[in-house]
């Protein structure tokens, strides 16, 4: 009877202790669900989904350190013929895309700045900012005239402007038409772009046939009442790419007015997986404007070579040396050395 009482008492004591411990137990809260960044492969490499949305985002950019030099015997007396200038460029881009009932909707924003000795660290500016929807494109952008040949020798035009247009593309064929807001002629020849006259139109047709791609581009400046036509042909030849270009300009305009006629050529030879060498040449007939509709009888030419080397993934260097000769002045040497880290 004593043993039975002892066992019952021990069991009761254990029950009380267990109950007390259960009452005092701390229950850990379940962690809140986490949404990890997902890779988006619908629009190519480098995109990821913005958490909580179906919009894909891509971030890119580069840092470029560059040393420019020029040897110009045409400078005024007392000014050094040979000059060097070190500068650094920062570039950051953000691209967003998503599918919709009207097709892919995209936006692109790029900021850049140059830091130089007289620039006090530089100030960021908008390099590009535009919207795409289906084949439509509107905003601030580099237009078709900004494209050129491989290398650093040619000057075939360049515009960064507000524009709106439409592009249609198939497997081997592409056509585009844009209306541009213009504010200056290409060489700065004085033209009145005030009011509503600062408008231009441009259209380009391109096609690819095997290793050959051709581009035909035309632009008309309504304020200047002049325009230009450009053709570019690129072909895979041997270990590299051969590029040929020609431009005709009717006079002062925002698209191209360096000369009445010009032809250019380059050949980018891929010597190794990391090294490429690109010689180039360009000739200008009737270069320089006398009036808005008349060019001079002077000619000019430029020749040079550019060396590109990929040091490692995301790190590259470029060296360029050019020589320019024009009627009535002495020849000028110029070039640069560039180191660039891109991501």
C-alpha atoms as a PDB file:
ATOM      1  CA  UNK A   1       0.000   0.000   0.000  1.00  0.00           C
ATOM      2  CA  UNK A   2       2.924   2.323   0.695  1.00  0.00           C
ATOM      3  CA  UNK A   3       4.515   1.449  -2.677  1.00  0.00           C
ATOM      4  CA  UNK A   4       1.209   2.065  -4.507  1.00  0.00           C
ATOM      5  CA  UNK A   5       0.817   5.460  -2.793  1.00  0.00           C
ATOM      6  CA  UNK A   6       4.403   6.374  -3.721  1.00  0.00           C
ATOM      7  CA  UNK A   7       3.901   5.510  -7.400  1.00  0.00           C
ATOM      8  CA  UNK A   8       0.632   7.461  -7.612  1.00  0.00           C
ATOM      9  CA  UNK A   9       2.232  10.485  -5.968  1.00  0.00           C
ATOM     10  CA  UNK A  10       5.222  10.423  -8.312  1.00  0.00           C
ATOM     11  CA  UNK A  11       2.918  10.251 -11.353  1.00  0.00           C
ATOM     12  CA  UNK A  12       0.880  13.204 -10.089  1.00  0.00           C
ATOM     13  CA  UNK A  13       4.032  15.245  -9.501  1.00  0.00           C
ATOM     14  CA  UNK A  14       5.314  14.530 -13.012  1.00  0.00           C
ATOM     15  CA  UNK A  15       1.967  15.576 -14.508  1.00  0.00           C
ATOM     16  CA  UNK A  16       2.034  18.884 -12.620  1.00  0.00           C
ATOM     17  CA  UNK A  17       5.618  19.595 -13.707  1.00  0.00           C
ATOM     18  CA  UNK A  18       4.869  18.683 -17.326  1.00  0.00           C
ATOM     19  CA  UNK A  19       1.813  20.926 -17.367  1.00  0.00           C
ATOM     20  CA  UNK A  20       3.796  23.806 -15.955  1.00  0.00           C
ATOM     21  CA  UNK A  21       6.532  23.364 -18.546  1.00  0.00           C
ATOM     22  CA  UNK A  22       3.960  23.199 -21.364  1.00  0.00           C
ATOM     23  CA  UNK A  23       2.347  26.406 -20.162  1.00  0.00           C
ATOM     24  CA  UNK A  24       5.707  28.211 -20.057  1.00  0.00           C
ATOM     25  CA  UNK A  25       6.953  26.900 -23.461  1.00  0.00           C
ATOM     26  CA  UNK A  26       7.859  29.588 -26.110  1.00  0.00           C
ATOM     27  CA  UNK A  27       6.575  28.794 -29.587  1.00  0.00           C
ATOM     28  CA  UNK A  28       8.802  30.239 -32.365  1.00  0.00           C
ATOM     29  CA  UNK A  29       6.915  32.265 -34.971  1.00  0.00           C
ATOM     30  CA  UNK A  30       7.023  30.899 -38.471  1.00  0.00           C
ATOM     31  CA  UNK A  31       9.276  32.963 -40.772  1.00  0.00           C
ATOM     32  CA  UNK A  32       7.547  35.187 -43.284  1.00  0.00           C
ATOM     33  CA  UNK A  33       7.711  33.817 -46.816  1.00  0.00           C
ATOM     34  CA  UNK A  34      10.596  35.243 -48.839  1.00  0.00           C
ATOM     35  CA  UNK A  35      10.392  36.000 -52.549  1.00  0.00           C
ATOM     36  CA  UNK A  36      13.739  35.322 -54.166  1.00  0.00           C
ATOM     37  CA  UNK A  37      14.864  37.128 -57.341  1.00  0.00           C
ATOM     38  CA  UNK A  38      14.044  34.983 -60.353  1.00  0.00           C
ATOM     39  CA  UNK A  39      15.987  34.912 -63.598  1.00  0.00           C
ATOM     40  CA  UNK A  40      14.017  36.122 -66.623  1.00  0.00           C
ATOM     41  CA  UNK A  41      15.119  34.507 -69.877  1.00  0.00           C
ATOM     42  CA  UNK A  42      12.237  35.761 -72.048  1.00  0.00           C
ATOM     43  CA  UNK A  43      14.228  38.728 -73.444  1.00  0.00           C
ATOM     44  CA  UNK A  44      17.799  37.417 -73.441  1.00  0.00           C
ATOM     45  CA  UNK A  45      20.546  37.172 -70.847  1.00  0.00           C
ATOM     46  CA  UNK A  46      20.988  39.492 -67.882  1.00  0.00           C
ATOM     47  CA  UNK A  47      17.308  40.052 -67.048  1.00  0.00           C
ATOM     48  CA  UNK A  48      15.599  39.272 -63.739  1.00  0.00           C
ATOM     49  CA  UNK A  49      12.025  39.665 -62.515  1.00  0.00           C
ATOM     50  CA  UNK A  50      11.240  42.644 -60.313  1.00  0.00           C
ATOM     51  CA  UNK A  51       9.862  40.925 -57.155  1.00  0.00           C
ATOM     52  CA  UNK A  52       6.074  40.828 -57.104  1.00  0.00           C
ATOM     53  CA  UNK A  53       5.737  41.681 -60.818  1.00  0.00           C
ATOM     54  CA  UNK A  54       6.072  40.098 -64.243  1.00  0.00           C
ATOM     55  CA  UNK A  55       8.380  42.892 -65.423  1.00  0.00           C
ATOM     56  CA  UNK A  56      11.952  41.943 -66.304  1.00  0.00           C
ATOM     57  CA  UNK A  57      14.817  44.286 -65.455  1.00  0.00           C
ATOM     58  CA  UNK A  58      18.371  44.510 -66.782  1.00  0.00           C
ATOM     59  CA  UNK A  59      21.132  46.716 -65.368  1.00  0.00           C
ATOM     60  CA  UNK A  60      24.334  47.460 -67.285  1.00  0.00           C
ATOM     61  CA  UNK A  61      27.064  50.019 -67.695  1.00  0.00           C
ATOM     62  CA  UNK A  62      30.769  50.668 -67.899  1.00  0.00           C
ATOM     63  CA  UNK A  63      33.651  52.751 -66.588  1.00  0.00           C
ATOM     64  CA  UNK A  64      36.008  54.043 -69.282  1.00  0.00           C
ATOM     65  CA  UNK A  65      39.412  55.599 -68.594  1.00  0.00           C
ATOM     66  CA  UNK A  66      40.852  57.255 -71.704  1.00  0.00           C
ATOM     67  CA  UNK A  67      43.941  59.223 -72.713  1.00  0.00           C
ATOM     68  CA  UNK A  68      43.449  61.363 -75.856  1.00  0.00           C
ATOM     69  CA  UNK A  69      46.275  62.983 -77.809  1.00  0.00           C
ATOM     70  CA  UNK A  70      46.595  65.188 -80.882  1.00  0.00           C
ATOM     71  CA  UNK A  71      49.483  66.618 -82.885  1.00  0.00           C
ATOM     72  CA  UNK A  72      48.114  69.579 -84.874  1.00  0.00           C
ATOM     73  CA  UNK A  73      50.592  71.902 -86.623  1.00  0.00           C
ATOM     74  CA  UNK A  74      47.744  74.246 -87.615  1.00  0.00           C
ATOM     75  CA  UNK A  75      47.251  75.722 -84.142  1.00  0.00           C
ATOM     76  CA  UNK A  76      47.896  79.463 -83.592  1.00  0.00           C
ATOM     77  CA  UNK A  77      51.389  80.637 -82.694  1.00  0.00           C
ATOM     78  CA  UNK A  78      52.198  80.143 -79.039  1.00  0.00           C
ATOM     79  CA  UNK A  79      49.913  77.111 -78.652  1.00  0.00           C
ATOM     80  CA  UNK A  80      51.454  73.671 -78.246  1.00  0.00           C
ATOM     81  CA  UNK A  81      51.013  71.500 -81.325  1.00  0.00           C
ATOM     82  CA  UNK A  82      50.980  68.329 -79.213  1.00  0.00           C
ATOM     83  CA  UNK A  83      48.348  67.973 -76.501  1.00  0.00           C
ATOM     84  CA  UNK A  84      47.200  65.154 -74.222  1.00  0.00           C
ATOM     85  CA  UNK A  85      44.002  64.918 -72.191  1.00  0.00           C
ATOM     86  CA  UNK A  86      43.049  62.251 -69.643  1.00  0.00           C
ATOM     87  CA  UNK A  87      39.371  61.750 -68.892  1.00  0.00           C
ATOM     88  CA  UNK A  88      37.050  59.136 -67.389  1.00  0.00           C
ATOM     89  CA  UNK A  89      33.535  58.268 -68.486  1.00  0.00           C
ATOM     90  CA  UNK A  90      30.840  56.594 -66.381  1.00  0.00           C
ATOM     91  CA  UNK A  91      27.768  55.029 -67.991  1.00  0.00           C
ATOM     92  CA  UNK A  92      24.780  53.331 -66.332  1.00  0.00           C
ATOM     93  CA  UNK A  93      21.741  51.833 -68.068  1.00  0.00           C
ATOM     94  CA  UNK A  94      18.469  50.322 -66.843  1.00  0.00           C
ATOM     95  CA  UNK A  95      16.135  48.412 -69.172  1.00  0.00           C
ATOM     96  CA  UNK A  96      12.678  47.052 -68.318  1.00  0.00           C
ATOM     97  CA  UNK A  97      10.423  44.804 -70.436  1.00  0.00           C
ATOM     98  CA  UNK A  98       7.187  42.908 -70.046  1.00  0.00           C
ATOM     99  CA  UNK A  99       4.738  41.114 -72.324  1.00  0.00           C
ATOM    100  CA  UNK A 100       1.255  42.554 -72.847  1.00  0.00           C
ATOM    101  CA  UNK A 101      -1.779  42.256 -75.091  1.00  0.00           C
ATOM    102  CA  UNK A 102      -0.187  44.775 -77.503  1.00  0.00           C
ATOM    103  CA  UNK A 103       3.176  43.026 -77.565  1.00  0.00           C
ATOM    104  CA  UNK A 104       6.353  43.666 -75.614  1.00  0.00           C
ATOM    105  CA  UNK A 105       6.443  46.960 -73.697  1.00  0.00           C
ATOM    106  CA  UNK A 106       9.892  48.272 -72.875  1.00  0.00           C
ATOM    107  CA  UNK A 107      11.698  51.275 -71.485  1.00  0.00           C
ATOM    108  CA  UNK A 108      15.369  52.203 -71.556  1.00  0.00           C
ATOM    109  CA  UNK A 109      17.194  54.775 -69.433  1.00  0.00           C
ATOM    110  CA  UNK A 110      20.919  55.512 -69.691  1.00  0.00           C
ATOM    111  CA  UNK A 111      22.954  58.101 -67.772  1.00  0.00           C
ATOM    112  CA  UNK A 112      26.526  59.149 -68.476  1.00  0.00           C
ATOM    113  CA  UNK A 113      29.182  61.671 -67.484  1.00  0.00           C
ATOM    114  CA  UNK A 114      32.758  62.612 -68.322  1.00  0.00           C
ATOM    115  CA  UNK A 115      35.188  63.530 -65.558  1.00  0.00           C
ATOM    116  CA  UNK A 116      38.014  65.774 -66.767  1.00  0.00           C
ATOM    117  CA  UNK A 117      40.454  68.242 -65.222  1.00  0.00           C
ATOM    118  CA  UNK A 118      38.200  71.194 -66.068  1.00  0.00           C
ATOM    119  CA  UNK A 119      34.920  69.353 -65.434  1.00  0.00           C
ATOM    120  CA  UNK A 120      35.060  69.243 -61.622  1.00  0.00           C
ATOM    121  CA  UNK A 121      33.966  65.615 -61.379  1.00  0.00           C
ATOM    122  CA  UNK A 122      31.385  65.843 -64.119  1.00  0.00           C
ATOM    123  CA  UNK A 123      27.604  65.986 -64.037  1.00  0.00           C
ATOM    124  CA  UNK A 124      25.349  63.153 -65.118  1.00  0.00           C
ATOM    125  CA  UNK A 125      23.254  63.719 -68.222  1.00  0.00           C
ATOM    126  CA  UNK A 126      20.594  61.631 -69.933  1.00  0.00           C
ATOM    127  CA  UNK A 127      22.279  59.633 -72.667  1.00  0.00           C
ATOM    128  CA  UNK A 128      19.029  57.979 -73.793  1.00  0.00           C
ATOM    129  CA  UNK A 129      15.498  57.614 -72.416  1.00  0.00           C
ATOM    130  CA  UNK A 130      12.776  56.046 -74.533  1.00  0.00           C
ATOM    131  CA  UNK A 131       9.695  53.803 -74.551  1.00  0.00           C
ATOM    132  CA  UNK A 132       8.987  50.898 -76.908  1.00  0.00           C
ATOM    133  CA  UNK A 133       5.613  49.207 -77.462  1.00  0.00           C
ATOM    134  CA  UNK A 134       5.246  46.678 -80.211  1.00  0.00           C
ATOM    135  CA  UNK A 135       7.180  48.243 -83.077  1.00  0.00           C
ATOM    136  CA  UNK A 136       6.726  51.835 -81.861  1.00  0.00           C
ATOM    137  CA  UNK A 137       9.537  53.814 -80.244  1.00  0.00           C
ATOM    138  CA  UNK A 138       9.370  57.294 -78.692  1.00  0.00           C
ATOM    139  CA  UNK A 139      11.710  59.376 -76.537  1.00  0.00           C
ATOM    140  CA  UNK A 140      15.272  60.688 -76.505  1.00  0.00           C
ATOM    141  CA  UNK A 141      17.602  58.424 -78.482  1.00  0.00           C
ATOM    142  CA  UNK A 142      20.466  57.942 -80.903  1.00  0.00           C
ATOM    143  CA  UNK A 143      18.940  57.618 -84.349  1.00  0.00           C
ATOM    144  CA  UNK A 144      19.933  55.614 -87.435  1.00  0.00           C
ATOM    145  CA  UNK A 145      22.657  58.107 -88.393  1.00  0.00           C
ATOM    146  CA  UNK A 146      24.682  57.223 -85.309  1.00  0.00           C
ATOM    147  CA  UNK A 147      25.671  53.828 -86.746  1.00  0.00           C
ATOM    148  CA  UNK A 148      29.027  53.561 -88.514  1.00  0.00           C
ATOM    149  CA  UNK A 149      31.694  51.148 -89.674  1.00  0.00           C
ATOM    150  CA  UNK A 150      33.968  49.087 -87.452  1.00  0.00           C
ATOM    151  CA  UNK A 151      36.969  50.969 -86.061  1.00  0.00           C
ATOM    152  CA  UNK A 152      37.459  54.630 -85.175  1.00  0.00           C
ATOM    153  CA  UNK A 153      38.304  56.196 -88.544  1.00  0.00           C
ATOM    154  CA  UNK A 154      34.991  57.050 -90.196  1.00  0.00           C
ATOM    155  CA  UNK A 155      32.544  59.903 -89.568  1.00  0.00           C
ATOM    156  CA  UNK A 156      29.174  58.941 -91.072  1.00  0.00           C
ATOM    157  CA  UNK A 157      26.831  61.091 -88.972  1.00  0.00           C
ATOM    158  CA  UNK A 158      25.369  60.970 -85.472  1.00  0.00           C
ATOM    159  CA  UNK A 159      22.187  62.366 -83.900  1.00  0.00           C
ATOM    160  CA  UNK A 160      20.860  62.176 -80.332  1.00  0.00           C
ATOM    161  CA  UNK A 161      17.389  63.672 -80.427  1.00  0.00           C
ATOM    162  CA  UNK A 162      13.757  63.413 -79.396  1.00  0.00           C
ATOM    163  CA  UNK A 163      11.962  61.260 -81.959  1.00  0.00           C
ATOM    164  CA  UNK A 164       8.971  59.015 -82.557  1.00  0.00           C
ATOM    165  CA  UNK A 165       8.702  56.236 -85.091  1.00  0.00           C
ATOM    166  CA  UNK A 166       7.899  52.683 -86.023  1.00  0.00           C
ATOM    167  CA  UNK A 167      10.064  49.705 -86.975  1.00  0.00           C
ATOM    168  CA  UNK A 168       9.052  46.470 -88.642  1.00  0.00           C
ATOM    169  CA  UNK A 169      11.438  43.526 -88.618  1.00  0.00           C
ATOM    170  CA  UNK A 170      11.370  40.023 -90.068  1.00  0.00           C
ATOM    171  CA  UNK A 171      14.098  37.391 -90.165  1.00  0.00           C
ATOM    172  CA  UNK A 172      16.126  39.083 -92.915  1.00  0.00           C
ATOM    173  CA  UNK A 173      14.365  42.403 -93.512  1.00  0.00           C
ATOM    174  CA  UNK A 174      13.877  45.550 -91.429  1.00  0.00           C
ATOM    175  CA  UNK A 175      12.312  48.930 -92.182  1.00  0.00           C
ATOM    176  CA  UNK A 176      11.882  51.960 -89.942  1.00  0.00           C
ATOM    177  CA  UNK A 177      10.483  55.492 -90.173  1.00  0.00           C
ATOM    178  CA  UNK A 178      10.982  58.302 -87.621  1.00  0.00           C
ATOM    179  CA  UNK A 179       9.942  61.913 -87.138  1.00  0.00           C
ATOM    180  CA  UNK A 180      12.718  63.867 -85.392  1.00  0.00           C
ATOM    181  CA  UNK A 181      12.873  67.108 -83.425  1.00  0.00           C
ATOM    182  CA  UNK A 182      15.971  68.898 -84.767  1.00  0.00           C
ATOM    183  CA  UNK A 183      17.835  71.789 -83.161  1.00  0.00           C
ATOM    184  CA  UNK A 184      21.059  72.238 -85.160  1.00  0.00           C
ATOM    185  CA  UNK A 185      22.815  71.324 -88.383  1.00  0.00           C
ATOM    186  CA  UNK A 186      25.374  68.516 -88.187  1.00  0.00           C
ATOM    187  CA  UNK A 187      28.428  70.776 -88.495  1.00  0.00           C
ATOM    188  CA  UNK A 188      26.808  73.725 -86.709  1.00  0.00           C
ATOM    189  CA  UNK A 189      26.213  75.778 -89.854  1.00  0.00           C
ATOM    190  CA  UNK A 190      23.719  78.495 -88.775  1.00  0.00           C
ATOM    191  CA  UNK A 191      20.140  77.442 -89.531  1.00  0.00           C
ATOM    192  CA  UNK A 192      17.008  78.823 -87.821  1.00  0.00           C
ATOM    193  CA  UNK A 193      15.373  75.899 -85.985  1.00  0.00           C
ATOM    194  CA  UNK A 194      13.012  78.045 -83.878  1.00  0.00           C
ATOM    195  CA  UNK A 195       9.240  77.658 -83.917  1.00  0.00           C
ATOM    196  CA  UNK A 196       7.789  74.525 -85.458  1.00  0.00           C
ATOM    197  CA  UNK A 197      10.312  74.228 -88.310  1.00  0.00           C
ATOM    198  CA  UNK A 198      12.822  72.141 -86.341  1.00  0.00           C
ATOM    199  CA  UNK A 199      11.441  68.875 -87.693  1.00  0.00           C
ATOM    200  CA  UNK A 200      13.036  66.166 -89.791  1.00  0.00           C
ATOM    201  CA  UNK A 201      12.135  62.740 -91.114  1.00  0.00           C
ATOM    202  CA  UNK A 202      14.326  59.711 -91.673  1.00  0.00           C
ATOM    203  CA  UNK A 203      13.736  56.216 -92.984  1.00  0.00           C
ATOM    204  CA  UNK A 204      15.974  53.176 -93.252  1.00  0.00           C
ATOM    205  CA  UNK A 205      15.658  49.837 -95.012  1.00  0.00           C
ATOM    206  CA  UNK A 206      18.061  46.983 -94.227  1.00  0.00           C
ATOM    207  CA  UNK A 207      18.321  43.402 -95.394  1.00  0.00           C
ATOM    208  CA  UNK A 208      20.588  40.428 -94.713  1.00  0.00           C
ATOM    209  CA  UNK A 209      21.475  37.837 -97.346  1.00  0.00           C
ATOM    210  CA  UNK A 210      23.799  35.208 -95.968  1.00  0.00           C
ATOM    211  CA  UNK A 211      27.047  36.902 -94.866  1.00  0.00           C
ATOM    212  CA  UNK A 212      26.077  40.282 -96.391  1.00  0.00           C
ATOM    213  CA  UNK A 213      23.952  43.030 -94.768  1.00  0.00           C
ATOM    214  CA  UNK A 214      22.983  46.277 -96.479  1.00  0.00           C
ATOM    215  CA  UNK A 215      21.499  49.518 -95.117  1.00  0.00           C
ATOM    216  CA  UNK A 216      19.910  52.363 -97.094  1.00  0.00           C
ATOM    217  CA  UNK A 217      19.113  55.490 -95.061  1.00  0.00           C
ATOM    218  CA  UNK A 218      17.680  58.874 -95.965  1.00  0.00           C
ATOM    219  CA  UNK A 219      16.934  61.976 -93.914  1.00  0.00           C
ATOM    220  CA  UNK A 220      15.331  65.351 -94.721  1.00  0.00           C
ATOM    221  CA  UNK A 221      15.640  68.500 -92.590  1.00  0.00           C
ATOM    222  CA  UNK A 222      12.574  70.753 -93.137  1.00  0.00           C
ATOM    223  CA  UNK A 223      14.110  73.820 -91.473  1.00  0.00           C
ATOM    224  CA  UNK A 224      17.259  73.653 -93.614  1.00  0.00           C
ATOM    225  CA  UNK A 225      15.341  72.342 -96.648  1.00  0.00           C
ATOM    226  CA  UNK A 226      18.172  69.891 -97.297  1.00  0.00           C
ATOM    227  CA  UNK A 227      18.880  66.253 -96.597  1.00  0.00           C
ATOM    228  CA  UNK A 228      21.286  63.353 -97.013  1.00  0.00           C
ATOM    229  CA  UNK A 229      21.306  59.749 -98.226  1.00  0.00           C
ATOM    230  CA  UNK A 230      23.610  57.041 -96.859  1.00  0.00           C
ATOM    231  CA  UNK A 231      24.342  53.470 -97.867  1.00  0.00           C
ATOM    232  CA  UNK A 232      26.317  50.922 -95.832  1.00  0.00           C
ATOM    233  CA  UNK A 233      27.329  47.407 -96.880  1.00  0.00           C
ATOM    234  CA  UNK A 234      28.875  44.888 -94.473  1.00  0.00           C
ATOM    235  CA  UNK A 235      30.124  41.410 -95.369  1.00  0.00           C
ATOM    236  CA  UNK A 236      31.881  38.597 -93.553  1.00  0.00           C
ATOM    237  CA  UNK A 237      35.110  38.138 -95.529  1.00  0.00           C
ATOM    238  CA  UNK A 238      37.863  35.807 -94.343  1.00  0.00           C
ATOM    239  CA  UNK A 239      38.660  36.255 -90.644  1.00  0.00           C
ATOM    240  CA  UNK A 240      36.831  39.549 -90.326  1.00  0.00           C
ATOM    241  CA  UNK A 241      34.166  42.010 -91.454  1.00  0.00           C
ATOM    242  CA  UNK A 242      34.495  44.294 -94.474  1.00  0.00           C
ATOM    243  CA  UNK A 243      32.487  47.531 -94.341  1.00  0.00           C
ATOM    244  CA  UNK A 244      31.801  50.031 -97.141  1.00  0.00           C
ATOM    245  CA  UNK A 245      29.817  53.281 -96.918  1.00  0.00           C
ATOM    246  CA  UNK A 246      28.861  56.260 -99.078  1.00  0.00           C
ATOM    247  CA  UNK A 247      26.924  59.494 -98.372  1.00  0.00           C
ATOM    248  CA  UNK A 248      25.507  62.289-100.520  1.00  0.00           C
ATOM    249  CA  UNK A 249      24.360  65.556 -98.931  1.00  0.00           C
ATOM    250  CA  UNK A 250      22.404  68.339-100.642  1.00  0.00           C
ATOM    251  CA  UNK A 251      23.584  71.044 -98.206  1.00  0.00           C
ATOM    252  CA  UNK A 252      23.393  72.149 -94.584  1.00  0.00           C
ATOM    253  CA  UNK A 253      21.186  69.773 -92.565  1.00  0.00           C
ATOM    254  CA  UNK A 254      21.046  68.021 -89.207  1.00  0.00           C
ATOM    255  CA  UNK A 255      21.822  64.565 -90.570  1.00  0.00           C
ATOM    256  CA  UNK A 256      25.079  65.053 -92.516  1.00  0.00           C
ATOM    257  CA  UNK A 257      26.712  68.127 -94.051  1.00  0.00           C
ATOM    258  CA  UNK A 258      30.483  67.693 -93.674  1.00  0.00           C
ATOM    259  CA  UNK A 259      30.830  67.350 -97.451  1.00  0.00           C
ATOM    260  CA  UNK A 260      28.757  66.860-100.572  1.00  0.00           C
ATOM    261  CA  UNK A 261      30.099  63.328-101.101  1.00  0.00           C
ATOM    262  CA  UNK A 262      32.054  60.880 -98.994  1.00  0.00           C
ATOM    263  CA  UNK A 263      33.101  57.228 -99.152  1.00  0.00           C
ATOM    264  CA  UNK A 264      34.561  55.100 -96.360  1.00  0.00           C
ATOM    265  CA  UNK A 265      35.873  51.574 -95.848  1.00  0.00           C
ATOM    266  CA  UNK A 266      37.151  49.443 -92.990  1.00  0.00           C
ATOM    267  CA  UNK A 267      38.143  45.846 -92.372  1.00  0.00           C
ATOM    268  CA  UNK A 268      37.939  44.417 -88.864  1.00  0.00           C
ATOM    269  CA  UNK A 269      40.222  41.378 -88.789  1.00  0.00           C
ATOM    270  CA  UNK A 270      39.820  39.023 -85.828  1.00  0.00           C
ATOM    271  CA  UNK A 271      43.428  37.891 -85.349  1.00  0.00           C
ATOM    272  CA  UNK A 272      42.719  35.786 -82.242  1.00  0.00           C
ATOM    273  CA  UNK A 273      39.773  35.203 -79.909  1.00  0.00           C
ATOM    274  CA  UNK A 274      40.841  38.296 -77.963  1.00  0.00           C
ATOM    275  CA  UNK A 275      42.640  40.488 -80.509  1.00  0.00           C
ATOM    276  CA  UNK A 276      41.240  42.355 -83.524  1.00  0.00           C
ATOM    277  CA  UNK A 277      42.848  44.892 -85.867  1.00  0.00           C
ATOM    278  CA  UNK A 278      40.788  47.400 -87.880  1.00  0.00           C
ATOM    279  CA  UNK A 279      42.324  49.643 -90.534  1.00  0.00           C
ATOM    280  CA  UNK A 280      40.021  52.280 -92.010  1.00  0.00           C
ATOM    281  CA  UNK A 281      39.888  55.003 -94.662  1.00  0.00           C
ATOM    282  CA  UNK A 282      37.521  57.840 -95.617  1.00  0.00           C
ATOM    283  CA  UNK A 283      37.564  60.440 -98.411  1.00  0.00           C
ATOM    284  CA  UNK A 284      35.485  63.645 -98.598  1.00  0.00           C
ATOM    285  CA  UNK A 285      34.740  65.560-101.839  1.00  0.00           C
ATOM    286  CA  UNK A 286      33.724  69.229-101.631  1.00  0.00           C
ATOM    287  CA  UNK A 287      34.110  69.422 -97.888  1.00  0.00           C
ATOM    288  CA  UNK A 288      32.938  72.457 -95.913  1.00  0.00           C
ATOM    289  CA  UNK A 289      29.917  74.679 -96.520  1.00  0.00           C
ATOM    290  CA  UNK A 290      30.164  78.085 -98.208  1.00  0.00           C
ATOM    291  CA  UNK A 291      26.420  78.743 -98.015  1.00  0.00           C
ATOM    292  CA  UNK A 292      23.536  76.601 -96.761  1.00  0.00           C
ATOM    293  CA  UNK A 293      23.214  75.052-100.245  1.00  0.00           C
ATOM    294  CA  UNK A 294      26.785  75.178-101.556  1.00  0.00           C
ATOM    295  CA  UNK A 295      29.904  73.242-100.626  1.00  0.00           C
ATOM    296  CA  UNK A 296      33.511  74.292-101.233  1.00  0.00           C
ATOM    297  CA  UNK A 297      35.811  72.627-103.765  1.00  0.00           C
ATOM    298  CA  UNK A 298      38.183  71.363-101.078  1.00  0.00           C
ATOM    299  CA  UNK A 299      38.777  67.664-100.488  1.00  0.00           C
ATOM    300  CA  UNK A 300      40.037  65.751 -97.460  1.00  0.00           C
ATOM    301  CA  UNK A 301      40.936  62.220 -96.417  1.00  0.00           C
ATOM    302  CA  UNK A 302      41.566  60.285 -93.229  1.00  0.00           C
ATOM    303  CA  UNK A 303      43.269  56.956 -92.564  1.00  0.00           C
ATOM    304  CA  UNK A 304      44.001  55.058 -89.397  1.00  0.00           C
ATOM    305  CA  UNK A 305      44.085  51.824 -87.491  1.00  0.00           C
ATOM    306  CA  UNK A 306      42.400  50.608 -84.292  1.00  0.00           C
ATOM    307  CA  UNK A 307      43.520  47.729 -82.071  1.00  0.00           C
ATOM    308  CA  UNK A 308      41.041  46.028 -79.709  1.00  0.00           C
ATOM    309  CA  UNK A 309      42.108  43.530 -77.052  1.00  0.00           C
ATOM    310  CA  UNK A 310      39.892  41.671 -74.569  1.00  0.00           C
ATOM    311  CA  UNK A 311      42.026  41.377 -71.433  1.00  0.00           C
ATOM    312  CA  UNK A 312      39.485  39.337 -69.474  1.00  0.00           C
ATOM    313  CA  UNK A 313      35.728  38.931 -69.122  1.00  0.00           C
ATOM    314  CA  UNK A 314      34.328  42.455 -68.871  1.00  0.00           C
ATOM    315  CA  UNK A 315      37.709  44.192 -69.243  1.00  0.00           C
ATOM    316  CA  UNK A 316      39.014  45.453 -72.584  1.00  0.00           C
ATOM    317  CA  UNK A 317      41.438  47.942 -74.072  1.00  0.00           C
ATOM    318  CA  UNK A 318      41.477  49.916 -77.312  1.00  0.00           C
ATOM    319  CA  UNK A 319      44.270  51.840 -79.058  1.00  0.00           C
ATOM    320  CA  UNK A 320      43.564  54.113 -82.032  1.00  0.00           C
ATOM    321  CA  UNK A 321      45.901  56.135 -84.284  1.00  0.00           C
ATOM    322  CA  UNK A 322      44.540  58.352 -87.098  1.00  0.00           C
ATOM    323  CA  UNK A 323      45.931  60.772 -89.698  1.00  0.00           C
ATOM    324  CA  UNK A 324      43.801  63.472 -91.398  1.00  0.00           C
ATOM    325  CA  UNK A 325      44.807  65.550 -94.412  1.00  0.00           C
ATOM    326  CA  UNK A 326      42.756  68.364 -95.981  1.00  0.00           C
ATOM    327  CA  UNK A 327      43.349  70.904 -98.725  1.00  0.00           C
ATOM    328  CA  UNK A 328      45.001  74.098 -97.531  1.00  0.00           C
ATOM    329  CA  UNK A 329      46.177  72.837 -94.111  1.00  0.00           C
ATOM    330  CA  UNK A 330      48.863  70.559 -92.736  1.00  0.00           C
ATOM    331  CA  UNK A 331      48.112  66.958 -91.802  1.00  0.00           C
ATOM    332  CA  UNK A 332      46.987  66.149 -88.246  1.00  0.00           C
ATOM    333  CA  UNK A 333      47.767  63.061 -86.142  1.00  0.00           C
ATOM    334  CA  UNK A 334      45.450  62.058 -83.298  1.00  0.00           C
ATOM    335  CA  UNK A 335      44.420  59.017 -81.306  1.00  0.00           C
ATOM    336  CA  UNK A 336      43.667  57.592 -77.878  1.00  0.00           C
ATOM    337  CA  UNK A 337      44.302  54.770 -75.426  1.00  0.00           C
ATOM    338  CA  UNK A 338      41.259  53.356 -73.623  1.00  0.00           C
ATOM    339  CA  UNK A 339      40.700  50.918 -70.768  1.00  0.00           C
ATOM    340  CA  UNK A 340      37.090  49.893 -70.176  1.00  0.00           C
ATOM    341  CA  UNK A 341      35.333  47.756 -67.575  1.00  0.00           C
ATOM    342  CA  UNK A 342      31.816  46.835 -68.675  1.00  0.00           C
ATOM    343  CA  UNK A 343      29.048  44.851 -66.970  1.00  0.00           C
END
